[in-house]
PDB file of N, CA and C in Angstrom:
ATOM      1  N   UNK A   1      29.452 -41.131-135.135  1.00  0.00           N
ATOM      2  CA  UNK A   1      28.881 -40.451-136.287  1.00  0.00           C
ATOM      3  C   UNK A   1      29.857 -39.397-136.798  1.00  0.00           C
ATOM      4  N   UNK A   2      29.993 -39.329-138.102  1.00  0.00           N
ATOM      5  CA  UNK A   2      30.879 -38.354-138.734  1.00  0.00           C
ATOM      6  C   UNK A   2      30.126 -37.036-138.887  1.00  0.00           C
ATOM      7  N   UNK A   3      30.740 -35.954-138.457  1.00  0.00           N
ATOM      8  CA  UNK A   3      30.097 -34.648-138.522  1.00  0.00           C
ATOM      9  C   UNK A   3      30.614 -33.864-139.730  1.00  0.00           C
ATOM     10  N   UNK A   4      30.010 -32.701-139.948  1.00  0.00           N
ATOM     11  CA  UNK A   4      30.459 -31.816-141.030  1.00  0.00           C
ATOM     12  C   UNK A   4      31.878 -31.324-140.762  1.00  0.00           C
ATOM     13  N   UNK A   5      32.297 -31.437-139.520  1.00  0.00           N
ATOM     14  CA  UNK A   5      33.645 -30.996-139.156  1.00  0.00           C
ATOM     15  C   UNK A   5      34.726 -31.766-139.913  1.00  0.00           C
ATOM     16  N   UNK A   6      34.393 -32.970-140.355  1.00  0.00           N
ATOM     17  CA  UNK A   6      35.383 -33.788-141.068  1.00  0.00           C
ATOM     18  C   UNK A   6      35.875 -33.071-142.325  1.00  0.00           C
ATOM     19  N   UNK A   7      35.027 -32.247-142.927  1.00  0.00           N
ATOM     20  CA  UNK A   7      35.403 -31.541-144.163  1.00  0.00           C
ATOM     21  C   UNK A   7      36.567 -30.594-143.936  1.00  0.00           C
ATOM     22  N   UNK A   8      36.486 -29.810-142.879  1.00  0.00           N
ATOM     23  CA  UNK A   8      37.593 -28.895-142.598  1.00  0.00           C
ATOM     24  C   UNK A   8      38.559 -29.512-141.606  1.00  0.00           C
ATOM     25  N   UNK A   9      38.199 -30.661-141.092  1.00  0.00           N
ATOM     26  CA  UNK A   9      39.000 -31.316-140.072  1.00  0.00           C
ATOM     27  C   UNK A   9      40.373 -31.745-140.536  1.00  0.00           C
ATOM     28  N   UNK A  10      40.522 -32.043-141.818  1.00  0.00           N
ATOM     29  CA  UNK A  10      41.848 -32.463-142.277  1.00  0.00           C
ATOM     30  C   UNK A  10      42.849 -31.331-142.101  1.00  0.00           C
ATOM     31  N   UNK A  11      42.446 -30.127-142.422  1.00  0.00           N
ATOM     32  CA  UNK A  11      43.347 -28.983-142.253  1.00  0.00           C
ATOM     33  C   UNK A  11      43.569 -28.703-140.776  1.00  0.00           C
ATOM     34  N   UNK A  12      42.510 -28.747-139.986  1.00  0.00           N
ATOM     35  CA  UNK A  12      42.644 -28.488-138.554  1.00  0.00           C
ATOM     36  C   UNK A  12      43.567 -29.505-137.901  1.00  0.00           C
ATOM     37  N   UNK A  13      43.368 -30.774-138.207  1.00  0.00           N
ATOM     38  CA  UNK A  13      44.186 -31.825-137.605  1.00  0.00           C
ATOM     39  C   UNK A  13      45.643 -31.699-138.046  1.00  0.00           C
ATOM     40  N   UNK A  14      45.868 -31.390-139.316  1.00  0.00           N
ATOM     41  CA  UNK A  14      47.232 -31.215-139.819  1.00  0.00           C
ATOM     42  C   UNK A  14      47.927 -30.064-139.089  1.00  0.00           C
ATOM     43  N   UNK A  15      47.230 -28.965-138.899  1.00  0.00           N
ATOM     44  CA  UNK A  15      47.797 -27.810-138.205  1.00  0.00           C
ATOM     45  C   UNK A  15      48.099 -28.153-136.750  1.00  0.00           C
ATOM     46  N   UNK A  16      47.137 -28.770-136.066  1.00  0.00           N
ATOM     47  CA  UNK A  16      47.348 -29.137-134.669  1.00  0.00           C
ATOM     48  C   UNK A  16      48.538 -30.084-134.517  1.00  0.00           C
ATOM     49  N   UNK A  17      48.636 -31.054-135.423  1.00  0.00           N
ATOM     50  CA  UNK A  17      49.737 -32.020-135.350  1.00  0.00           C
ATOM     51  C   UNK A  17      51.087 -31.334-135.522  1.00  0.00           C
ATOM     52  N   UNK A  18      51.181 -30.408-136.462  1.00  0.00           N
ATOM     53  CA  UNK A  18      52.446 -29.691-136.666  1.00  0.00           C
ATOM     54  C   UNK A  18      52.792 -28.800-135.478  1.00  0.00           C
ATOM     55  N   UNK A  19      51.782 -28.103-134.958  1.00  0.00           N
ATOM     56  CA  UNK A  19      52.042 -27.198-133.837  1.00  0.00           C
ATOM     57  C   UNK A  19      52.302 -27.959-132.542  1.00  0.00           C
ATOM     58  N   UNK A  20      51.916 -29.231-132.489  1.00  0.00           N
ATOM     59  CA  UNK A  20      52.240 -30.054-131.317  1.00  0.00           C
ATOM     60  C   UNK A  20      53.749 -30.274-131.241  1.00  0.00           C
ATOM     61  N   UNK A  21      54.429 -30.163-132.377  1.00  0.00           N
ATOM     62  CA  UNK A  21      55.883 -30.340-132.424  1.00  0.00           C
ATOM     63  C   UNK A  21      56.616 -29.063-132.040  1.00  0.00           C
ATOM     64  N   UNK A  22      56.134 -27.918-132.581  1.00  0.00           N
ATOM     65  CA  UNK A  22      56.794 -26.634-132.307  1.00  0.00           C
ATOM     66  C   UNK A  22      55.957 -25.492-132.871  1.00  0.00           C
ATOM     67  N   UNK A  23      56.119 -24.279-132.333  1.00  0.00           N
ATOM     68  CA  UNK A  23      55.415 -23.115-132.894  1.00  0.00           C
ATOM     69  C   UNK A  23      55.927 -22.826-134.312  1.00  0.00           C
ATOM     70  N   UNK A  24      55.009 -22.391-135.180  1.00  0.00           N
ATOM     71  CA  UNK A  24      55.350 -22.112-136.576  1.00  0.00           C
ATOM     72  C   UNK A  24      54.556 -20.918-137.083  1.00  0.00           C
ATOM     73  N   UNK A  25      55.068 -20.269-138.111  1.00  0.00           N
ATOM     74  CA  UNK A  25      54.308 -19.209-138.781  1.00  0.00           C
ATOM     75  C   UNK A  25      53.526 -19.829-139.936  1.00  0.00           C
ATOM     76  N   UNK A  26      52.552 -19.096-140.447  1.00  0.00           N
ATOM     77  CA  UNK A  26      51.627 -19.621-141.449  1.00  0.00           C
ATOM     78  C   UNK A  26      52.285 -20.212-142.680  1.00  0.00           C
ATOM     79  N   UNK A  27      53.240 -19.509-143.254  1.00  0.00           N
ATOM     80  CA  UNK A  27      53.896 -20.018-144.459  1.00  0.00           C
ATOM     81  C   UNK A  27      54.577 -21.349-144.181  1.00  0.00           C
ATOM     82  N   UNK A  28      55.228 -21.452-143.026  1.00  0.00           N
ATOM     83  CA  UNK A  28      55.923 -22.689-142.673  1.00  0.00           C
ATOM     84  C   UNK A  28      54.931 -23.827-142.435  1.00  0.00           C
ATOM     85  N   UNK A  29      53.775 -23.519-141.870  1.00  0.00           N
ATOM     86  CA  UNK A  29      52.734 -24.535-141.686  1.00  0.00           C
ATOM     87  C   UNK A  29      52.320 -25.089-143.044  1.00  0.00           C
ATOM     88  N   UNK A  30      52.020 -24.203-143.987  1.00  0.00           N
ATOM     89  CA  UNK A  30      51.609 -24.629-145.330  1.00  0.00           C
ATOM     90  C   UNK A  30      52.706 -25.452-146.001  1.00  0.00           C
ATOM     91  N   UNK A  31      53.949 -25.002-145.882  1.00  0.00           N
ATOM     92  CA  UNK A  31      55.076 -25.699-146.498  1.00  0.00           C
ATOM     93  C   UNK A  31      55.255 -27.099-145.918  1.00  0.00           C
ATOM     94  N   UNK A  32      55.163 -27.218-144.609  1.00  0.00           N
ATOM     95  CA  UNK A  32      55.348 -28.541-143.979  1.00  0.00           C
ATOM     96  C   UNK A  32      54.200 -29.495-144.269  1.00  0.00           C
ATOM     97  N   UNK A  33      52.983 -28.979-144.318  1.00  0.00           N
ATOM     98  CA  UNK A  33      51.852 -29.843-144.669  1.00  0.00           C
ATOM     99  C   UNK A  33      52.088 -30.445-146.047  1.00  0.00           C
ATOM    100  N   UNK A  34      52.469 -29.608-146.993  1.00  0.00           N
ATOM    101  CA  UNK A  34      52.710 -30.094-148.350  1.00  0.00           C
ATOM    102  C   UNK A  34      53.885 -31.079-148.382  1.00  0.00           C
ATOM    103  N   UNK A  35      54.976 -30.736-147.722  1.00  0.00           N
ATOM    104  CA  UNK A  35      56.163 -31.591-147.739  1.00  0.00           C
ATOM    105  C   UNK A  35      55.899 -32.927-147.050  1.00  0.00           C
ATOM    106  N   UNK A  36      55.325 -32.893-145.857  1.00  0.00           N
ATOM    107  CA  UNK A  36      55.137 -34.117-145.082  1.00  0.00           C
ATOM    108  C   UNK A  36      54.033 -35.005-145.643  1.00  0.00           C
ATOM    109  N   UNK A  37      53.155 -34.433-146.463  1.00  0.00           N
ATOM    110  CA  UNK A  37      52.115 -35.253-147.099  1.00  0.00           C
ATOM    111  C   UNK A  37      52.534 -35.701-148.493  1.00  0.00           C
ATOM    112  N   UNK A  38      53.784 -35.454-148.859  1.00  0.00           N
ATOM    113  CA  UNK A  38      54.265 -35.825-150.177  1.00  0.00           C
ATOM    114  C   UNK A  38      53.584 -35.044-151.288  1.00  0.00           C
ATOM    115  N   UNK A  39      53.138 -33.840-150.978  1.00  0.00           N
ATOM    116  CA  UNK A  39      52.481 -32.994-151.972  1.00  0.00           C
ATOM    117  C   UNK A  39      51.006 -33.273-152.156  1.00  0.00           C
ATOM    118  N   UNK A  40      50.462 -34.232-151.421  1.00  0.00           N
ATOM    119  CA  UNK A  40      49.042 -34.579-151.555  1.00  0.00           C
ATOM    120  C   UNK A  40      48.159 -33.495-150.960  1.00  0.00           C
ATOM    121  N   UNK A  41      48.551 -32.959-149.807  1.00  0.00           N
ATOM    122  CA  UNK A  41      47.780 -31.898-149.162  1.00  0.00           C
ATOM    123  C   UNK A  41      48.469 -30.571-149.394  1.00  0.00           C
ATOM    124  N   UNK A  42      47.720 -29.643-149.940  1.00  0.00           N
ATOM    125  CA  UNK A  42      48.241 -28.300-150.187  1.00  0.00           C
ATOM    126  C   UNK A  42      47.209 -27.288-149.742  1.00  0.00           C
ATOM    127  N   UNK A  43      47.658 -26.312-148.990  1.00  0.00           N
ATOM    128  CA  UNK A  43      46.769 -25.244-148.544  1.00  0.00           C
ATOM    129  C   UNK A  43      47.375 -23.919-148.947  1.00  0.00           C
ATOM    130  N   UNK A  44      46.579 -23.091-149.593  1.00  0.00           N
ATOM    131  CA  UNK A  44      47.048 -21.754-149.931  1.00  0.00           C
ATOM    132  C   UNK A  44      47.024 -20.915-148.667  1.00  0.00           C
ATOM    133  N   UNK A  45      47.841 -19.887-148.631  1.00  0.00           N
ATOM    134  CA  UNK A  45      47.829 -18.998-147.478  1.00  0.00           C
ATOM    135  C   UNK A  45      46.484 -18.306-147.340  1.00  0.00           C
ATOM    136  N   UNK A  46      45.825 -18.069-148.466  1.00  0.00           N
ATOM    137  CA  UNK A  46      44.509 -17.430-148.440  1.00  0.00           C
ATOM    138  C   UNK A  46      43.471 -18.300-147.733  1.00  0.00           C
ATOM    139  N   UNK A  47      43.627 -19.611-147.786  1.00  0.00           N
ATOM    140  CA  UNK A  47      42.686 -20.491-147.077  1.00  0.00           C
ATOM    141  C   UNK A  47      43.202 -20.858-145.687  1.00  0.00           C
ATOM    142  N   UNK A  48      44.511 -20.840-145.508  1.00  0.00           N
ATOM    143  CA  UNK A  48      45.101 -21.245-144.239  1.00  0.00           C
ATOM    144  C   UNK A  48      44.925 -20.186-143.153  1.00  0.00           C
ATOM    145  N   UNK A  49      45.163 -18.921-143.477  1.00  0.00           N
ATOM    146  CA  UNK A  49      45.096 -17.887-142.436  1.00  0.00           C
ATOM    147  C   UNK A  49      43.700 -17.730-141.827  1.00  0.00           C
ATOM    148  N   UNK A  50      42.619 -17.734-142.600  1.00  0.00           N
ATOM    149  CA  UNK A  50      41.304 -17.673-141.947  1.00  0.00           C
ATOM    150  C   UNK A  50      41.067 -18.845-140.994  1.00  0.00           C
ATOM    151  N   UNK A  51      41.571 -20.023-141.353  1.00  0.00           N
ATOM    152  CA  UNK A  51      41.445 -21.186-140.486  1.00  0.00           C
ATOM    153  C   UNK A  51      42.262 -20.979-139.202  1.00  0.00           C
ATOM    154  N   UNK A  52      43.472 -20.463-139.334  1.00  0.00           N
ATOM    155  CA  UNK A  52      44.288 -20.176-138.152  1.00  0.00           C
ATOM    156  C   UNK A  52      43.607 -19.146-137.251  1.00  0.00           C
ATOM    157  N   UNK A  53      43.005 -18.118-137.843  1.00  0.00           N
ATOM    158  CA  UNK A  53      42.310 -17.099-137.046  1.00  0.00           C
ATOM    159  C   UNK A  53      41.131 -17.716-136.296  1.00  0.00           C
ATOM    160  N   UNK A  54      40.372 -18.609-136.953  1.00  0.00           N
ATOM    161  CA  UNK A  54      39.244 -19.278-136.275  1.00  0.00           C
ATOM    162  C   UNK A  54      39.743 -20.172-135.145  1.00  0.00           C
ATOM    163  N   UNK A  55      40.841 -20.885-135.398  1.00  0.00           N
ATOM    164  CA  UNK A  55      41.393 -21.754-134.363  1.00  0.00           C
ATOM    165  C   UNK A  55      41.927 -20.920-133.190  1.00  0.00           C
ATOM    166  N   UNK A  56      42.461 -19.754-133.479  1.00  0.00           N
ATOM    167  CA  UNK A  56      42.926 -18.836-132.432  1.00  0.00           C
ATOM    168  C   UNK A  56      41.724 -18.348-131.619  1.00  0.00           C
ATOM    169  N   UNK A  57      40.662 -17.997-132.305  1.00  0.00           N
ATOM    170  CA  UNK A  57      39.456 -17.502-131.627  1.00  0.00           C
ATOM    171  C   UNK A  57      38.858 -18.581-130.711  1.00  0.00           C
ATOM    172  N   UNK A  58      38.943 -19.852-131.124  1.00  0.00           N
ATOM    173  CA  UNK A  58      38.445 -20.968-130.308  1.00  0.00           C
ATOM    174  C   UNK A  58      39.365 -21.293-129.138  1.00  0.00           C
ATOM    175  N   UNK A  59      40.575 -20.755-129.184  1.00  0.00           N
ATOM    176  CA  UNK A  59      41.531 -21.023-128.126  1.00  0.00           C
ATOM    177  C   UNK A  59      42.372 -22.266-128.357  1.00  0.00           C
ATOM    178  N   UNK A  60      42.367 -22.806-129.569  1.00  0.00           N
ATOM    179  CA  UNK A  60      43.147 -24.007-129.883  1.00  0.00           C
ATOM    180  C   UNK A  60      44.600 -23.666-130.166  1.00  0.00           C
ATOM    181  N   UNK A  61      44.836 -22.496-130.745  1.00  0.00           N
ATOM    182  CA  UNK A  61      46.191 -22.025-131.022  1.00  0.00           C
ATOM    183  C   UNK A  61      46.284 -20.589-130.522  1.00  0.00           C
ATOM    184  N   UNK A  62      47.497 -20.135-130.358  1.00  0.00           N
ATOM    185  CA  UNK A  62      47.725 -18.754-129.945  1.00  0.00           C
ATOM    186  C   UNK A  62      48.707 -18.152-130.932  1.00  0.00           C
ATOM    187  N   UNK A  63      48.312 -17.037-131.505  1.00  0.00           N
ATOM    188  CA  UNK A  63      49.179 -16.351-132.451  1.00  0.00           C
ATOM    189  C   UNK A  63      49.821 -15.138-131.796  1.00  0.00           C
ATOM    190  N   UNK A  64      51.096 -14.930-132.074  1.00  0.00           N
ATOM    191  CA  UNK A  64      51.808 -13.760-131.554  1.00  0.00           C
ATOM    192  C   UNK A  64      52.756 -13.242-132.628  1.00  0.00           C
ATOM    193  N   UNK A  65      52.867 -11.925-132.703  1.00  0.00           N
ATOM    194  CA  UNK A  65      53.751 -11.310-133.689  1.00  0.00           C
ATOM    195  C   UNK A  65      55.200 -11.430-133.242  1.00  0.00           C
ATOM    196  N   UNK A  66      56.067 -11.747-134.204  1.00  0.00           N
ATOM    197  CA  UNK A  66      57.513 -11.804-133.987  1.00  0.00           C
ATOM    198  C   UNK A  66      58.167 -10.841-134.963  1.00  0.00           C
ATOM    199  N   UNK A  67      59.204 -10.182-134.498  1.00  0.00           N
ATOM    200  CA  UNK A  67      59.975  -9.314-135.376  1.00  0.00           C
ATOM    201  C   UNK A  67      61.261 -10.033-135.746  1.00  0.00           C
ATOM    202  N   UNK A  68      61.471 -10.203-137.040  1.00  0.00           N
ATOM    203  CA  UNK A  68      62.679 -10.852-137.545  1.00  0.00           C
ATOM    204  C   UNK A  68      63.852  -9.885-137.484  1.00  0.00           C
ATOM    205  N   UNK A  69      65.085 -10.388-137.554  1.00  0.00           N
ATOM    206  CA  UNK A  69      66.262  -9.495-137.562  1.00  0.00           C
ATOM    207  C   UNK A  69      66.189  -8.444-138.672  1.00  0.00           C
ATOM    208  N   UNK A  70      65.521  -8.771-139.764  1.00  0.00           N
ATOM    209  CA  UNK A  70      65.381  -7.824-140.874  1.00  0.00           C
ATOM    210  C   UNK A  70      64.395  -6.704-140.550  1.00  0.00           C
ATOM    211  N   UNK A  71      63.672  -6.832-139.429  1.00  0.00           N
ATOM    212  CA  UNK A  71      62.658  -5.843-139.071  1.00  0.00           C
ATOM    213  C   UNK A  71      61.261  -6.238-139.534  1.00  0.00           C
ATOM    214  N   UNK A  72      61.197  -7.241-140.395  1.00  0.00           N
ATOM    215  CA  UNK A  72      59.903  -7.733-140.887  1.00  0.00           C
ATOM    216  C   UNK A  72      59.185  -8.471-139.766  1.00  0.00           C
ATOM    217  N   UNK A  73      57.868  -8.380-139.753  1.00  0.00           N
ATOM    218  CA  UNK A  73      57.088  -9.076-138.741  1.00  0.00           C
ATOM    219  C   UNK A  73      56.338 -10.253-139.351  1.00  0.00           C
ATOM    220  N   UNK A  74      56.163 -11.281-138.537  1.00  0.00           N
ATOM    221  CA  UNK A  74      55.344 -12.417-138.941  1.00  0.00           C
ATOM    222  C   UNK A  74      54.638 -12.939-137.703  1.00  0.00           C
ATOM    223  N   UNK A  75      53.502 -13.568-137.945  1.00  0.00           N
ATOM    224  CA  UNK A  75      52.700 -14.101-136.842  1.00  0.00           C
ATOM    225  C   UNK A  75      53.044 -15.572-136.665  1.00  0.00           C
ATOM    226  N   UNK A  76      53.448 -15.921-135.470  1.00  0.00           N
ATOM    227  CA  UNK A  76      53.837 -17.290-135.156  1.00  0.00           C
ATOM    228  C   UNK A  76      52.734 -17.904-134.290  1.00  0.00           C
ATOM    229  N   UNK A  77      52.389 -19.145-134.571  1.00  0.00           N
ATOM    230  CA  UNK A  77      51.304 -19.831-133.868  1.00  0.00           C
ATOM    231  C   UNK A  77      51.856 -20.969-133.026  1.00  0.00           C
ATOM    232  N   UNK A  78      51.269 -21.136-131.835  1.00  0.00           N
ATOM    233  CA  UNK A  78      51.625 -22.253-130.978  1.00  0.00           C
ATOM    234  C   UNK A  78      50.350 -22.950-130.517  1.00  0.00           C
ATOM    235  N   UNK A  79      50.470 -24.224-130.230  1.00  0.00           N
ATOM    236  CA  UNK A  79      49.354 -25.026-129.752  1.00  0.00           C
ATOM    237  C   UNK A  79      49.089 -24.694-128.291  1.00  0.00           C
ATOM    238  N   UNK A  80      47.824 -24.572-127.930  1.00  0.00           N
ATOM    239  CA  UNK A  80      47.431 -24.332-126.543  1.00  0.00           C
ATOM    240  C   UNK A  80      47.012 -25.663-125.908  1.00  0.00           C
ATOM    241  N   UNK A  81      46.903 -25.697-124.587  1.00  0.00           N
ATOM    242  CA  UNK A  81      46.393 -26.919-123.944  1.00  0.00           C
ATOM    243  C   UNK A  81      45.005 -27.313-124.475  1.00  0.00           C
ATOM    244  N   UNK A  82      44.162 -26.332-124.732  1.00  0.00           N
ATOM    245  CA  UNK A  82      42.828 -26.619-125.285  1.00  0.00           C
ATOM    246  C   UNK A  82      42.943 -27.252-126.672  1.00  0.00           C
ATOM    247  N   UNK A  83      43.878 -26.771-127.478  1.00  0.00           N
ATOM    248  CA  UNK A  83      44.100 -27.340-128.806  1.00  0.00           C
ATOM    249  C   UNK A  83      44.621 -28.765-128.726  1.00  0.00           C
ATOM    250  N   UNK A  84      45.500 -29.013-127.770  1.00  0.00           N
ATOM    251  CA  UNK A  84      46.051 -30.360-127.587  1.00  0.00           C
ATOM    252  C   UNK A  84      44.941 -31.350-127.230  1.00  0.00           C
ATOM    253  N   UNK A  85      43.947 -30.886-126.466  1.00  0.00           N
ATOM    254  CA  UNK A  85      42.814 -31.742-126.084  1.00  0.00           C
ATOM    255  C   UNK A  85      41.907 -32.069-127.272  1.00  0.00           C
ATOM    256  N   UNK A  86      41.969 -31.258-128.317  1.00  0.00           N
ATOM    257  CA  UNK A  86      41.141 -31.490-129.509  1.00  0.00           C
ATOM    258  C   UNK A  86      41.646 -32.657-130.342  1.00  0.00           C
ATOM    259  N   UNK A  87      42.924 -32.963-130.239  1.00  0.00           N
ATOM    260  CA  UNK A  87      43.526 -33.957-131.128  1.00  0.00           C
ATOM    261  C   UNK A  87      42.970 -35.379-130.949  1.00  0.00           C
ATOM    262  N   UNK A  88      42.882 -35.936-129.749  1.00  0.00           N
ATOM    263  CA  UNK A  88      42.377 -37.318-129.628  1.00  0.00           C
ATOM    264  C   UNK A  88      40.974 -37.521-130.212  1.00  0.00           C
ATOM    265  N   UNK A  89      39.993 -36.634-129.920  1.00  0.00           N
ATOM    266  CA  UNK A  89      38.680 -36.859-130.534  1.00  0.00           C
ATOM    267  C   UNK A  89      38.697 -36.727-132.060  1.00  0.00           C
ATOM    268  N   UNK A  90      39.543 -35.828-132.563  1.00  0.00           N
ATOM    269  CA  UNK A  90      39.637 -35.677-134.019  1.00  0.00           C
ATOM    270  C   UNK A  90      40.249 -36.924-134.644  1.00  0.00           C
ATOM    271  N   UNK A  91      41.297 -37.462-134.016  1.00  0.00           N
ATOM    272  CA  UNK A  91      41.910 -38.694-134.525  1.00  0.00           C
ATOM    273  C   UNK A  91      40.917 -39.854-134.496  1.00  0.00           C
ATOM    274  N   UNK A  92      40.119 -39.917-133.459  1.00  0.00           N
ATOM    275  CA  UNK A  92      39.104 -40.967-133.355  1.00  0.00           C
ATOM    276  C   UNK A  92      38.073 -40.826-134.484  1.00  0.00           C
ATOM    277  N   UNK A  93      37.640 -39.607-134.716  1.00  0.00           N
ATOM    278  CA  UNK A  93      36.664 -39.360-135.772  1.00  0.00           C
ATOM    279  C   UNK A  93      37.222 -39.725-137.143  1.00  0.00           C
ATOM    280  N   UNK A  94      38.495 -39.358-137.406  1.00  0.00           N
ATOM    281  CA  UNK A  94      39.118 -39.732-138.670  1.00  0.00           C
ATOM    282  C   UNK A  94      39.218 -41.245-138.809  1.00  0.00           C
ATOM    283  N   UNK A  95      39.518 -41.931-137.703  1.00  0.00           N
ATOM    284  CA  UNK A  95      39.574 -43.393-137.734  1.00  0.00           C
ATOM    285  C   UNK A  95      38.229 -43.988-138.122  1.00  0.00           C
ATOM    286  N   UNK A  96      37.160 -43.469-137.548  1.00  0.00           N
ATOM    287  CA  UNK A  96      35.808 -43.926-137.904  1.00  0.00           C
ATOM    288  C   UNK A  96      35.518 -43.668-139.381  1.00  0.00           C
ATOM    289  N   UNK A  97      35.915 -42.504-139.840  1.00  0.00           N
ATOM    290  CA  UNK A  97      35.691 -42.120-141.229  1.00  0.00           C
ATOM    291  C   UNK A  97      36.388 -43.087-142.185  1.00  0.00           C
ATOM    292  N   UNK A  98      37.668 -43.375-141.925  1.00  0.00           N
ATOM    293  CA  UNK A  98      38.409 -44.289-142.799  1.00  0.00           C
ATOM    294  C   UNK A  98      37.870 -45.716-142.738  1.00  0.00           C
ATOM    295  N   UNK A  99      37.473 -46.171-141.544  1.00  0.00           N
ATOM    296  CA  UNK A  99      36.891 -47.520-141.442  1.00  0.00           C
ATOM    297  C   UNK A  99      35.586 -47.611-142.222  1.00  0.00           C
ATOM    298  N   UNK A 100      34.776 -46.564-142.159  1.00  0.00           N
ATOM    299  CA  UNK A 100      33.512 -46.551-142.902  1.00  0.00           C
ATOM    300  C   UNK A 100      33.775 -46.576-144.403  1.00  0.00           C
ATOM    301  N   UNK A 101      34.729 -45.778-144.880  1.00  0.00           N
ATOM    302  CA  UNK A 101      35.066 -45.793-146.304  1.00  0.00           C
ATOM    303  C   UNK A 101      35.603 -47.154-146.737  1.00  0.00           C
ATOM    304  N   UNK A 102      36.398 -47.760-145.882  1.00  0.00           N
ATOM    305  CA  UNK A 102      36.942 -49.073-146.198  1.00  0.00           C
ATOM    306  C   UNK A 102      35.827 -50.104-146.338  1.00  0.00           C
ATOM    307  N   UNK A 103      34.858 -50.041-145.445  1.00  0.00           N
ATOM    308  CA  UNK A 103      33.717 -50.970-145.514  1.00  0.00           C
ATOM    309  C   UNK A 103      32.911 -50.748-146.794  1.00  0.00           C
ATOM    310  N   UNK A 104      32.752 -49.505-147.174  1.00  0.00           N
ATOM    311  CA  UNK A 104      31.939 -49.180-148.342  1.00  0.00           C
ATOM    312  C   UNK A 104      32.632 -49.453-149.666  1.00  0.00           C
ATOM    313  N   UNK A 105      33.897 -49.094-149.729  1.00  0.00           N
ATOM    314  CA  UNK A 105      34.541 -49.117-151.041  1.00  0.00           C
ATOM    315  C   UNK A 105      35.956 -49.712-151.029  1.00  0.00           C
ATOM    316  N   UNK A 106      36.343 -50.263-149.929  1.00  0.00           N
ATOM    317  CA  UNK A 106      37.688 -50.814-149.868  1.00  0.00           C
ATOM    318  C   UNK A 106      38.767 -49.754-149.825  1.00  0.00           C
ATOM    319  N   UNK A 107      38.405 -48.538-149.425  1.00  0.00           N
ATOM    320  CA  UNK A 107      39.368 -47.450-149.317  1.00  0.00           C
ATOM    321  C   UNK A 107      40.099 -47.598-148.004  1.00  0.00           C
ATOM    322  N   UNK A 108      41.411 -47.447-148.050  1.00  0.00           N
ATOM    323  CA  UNK A 108      42.195 -47.509-146.811  1.00  0.00           C
ATOM    324  C   UNK A 108      43.095 -46.312-146.714  1.00  0.00           C
ATOM    325  N   UNK A 109      43.749 -46.180-145.582  1.00  0.00           N
ATOM    326  CA  UNK A 109      44.660 -45.050-145.363  1.00  0.00           C
ATOM    327  C   UNK A 109      45.938 -45.205-146.159  1.00  0.00           C
ATOM    328  N   UNK A 110      46.249 -46.387-146.602  1.00  0.00           N
ATOM    329  CA  UNK A 110      47.489 -46.619-147.346  1.00  0.00           C
ATOM    330  C   UNK A 110      47.314 -46.074-148.707  1.00  0.00           C
TER     331      UNK A 110
END
C-alpha cells in the first residue's frame, strides 16, 4: 500500500541516495538533485532545509558545522546507518507506486 509518505518521499529518497555517496551541504544537495535529474527535480533551499532538519531529528542524517578556509560556516550532512536502512523500503514503495501508475495509465519510469 502506498502511504502519504510517497508525497515527500521523492525528496527524502533523493537526499538519501546522494548522501549514500558522500557527505554534502544543503546547497550542493539541491544542485546535484537538479543536475542529476536533468532539471526535472528542483528543490529550493527554503523547502530543502526543513526536510534535512526533520531527517536529522529522525536520525537518518547527521548535520555538522564546517568552517571553510574563508571563515564562513556551512552545515554538512552525512547519511547515518539508520538512514541507509530507510532506502530499501522506500525503493520498494516507489516501485509499487510506478507499477500501479503503469497499470492505470501506462505511465512508466522512462
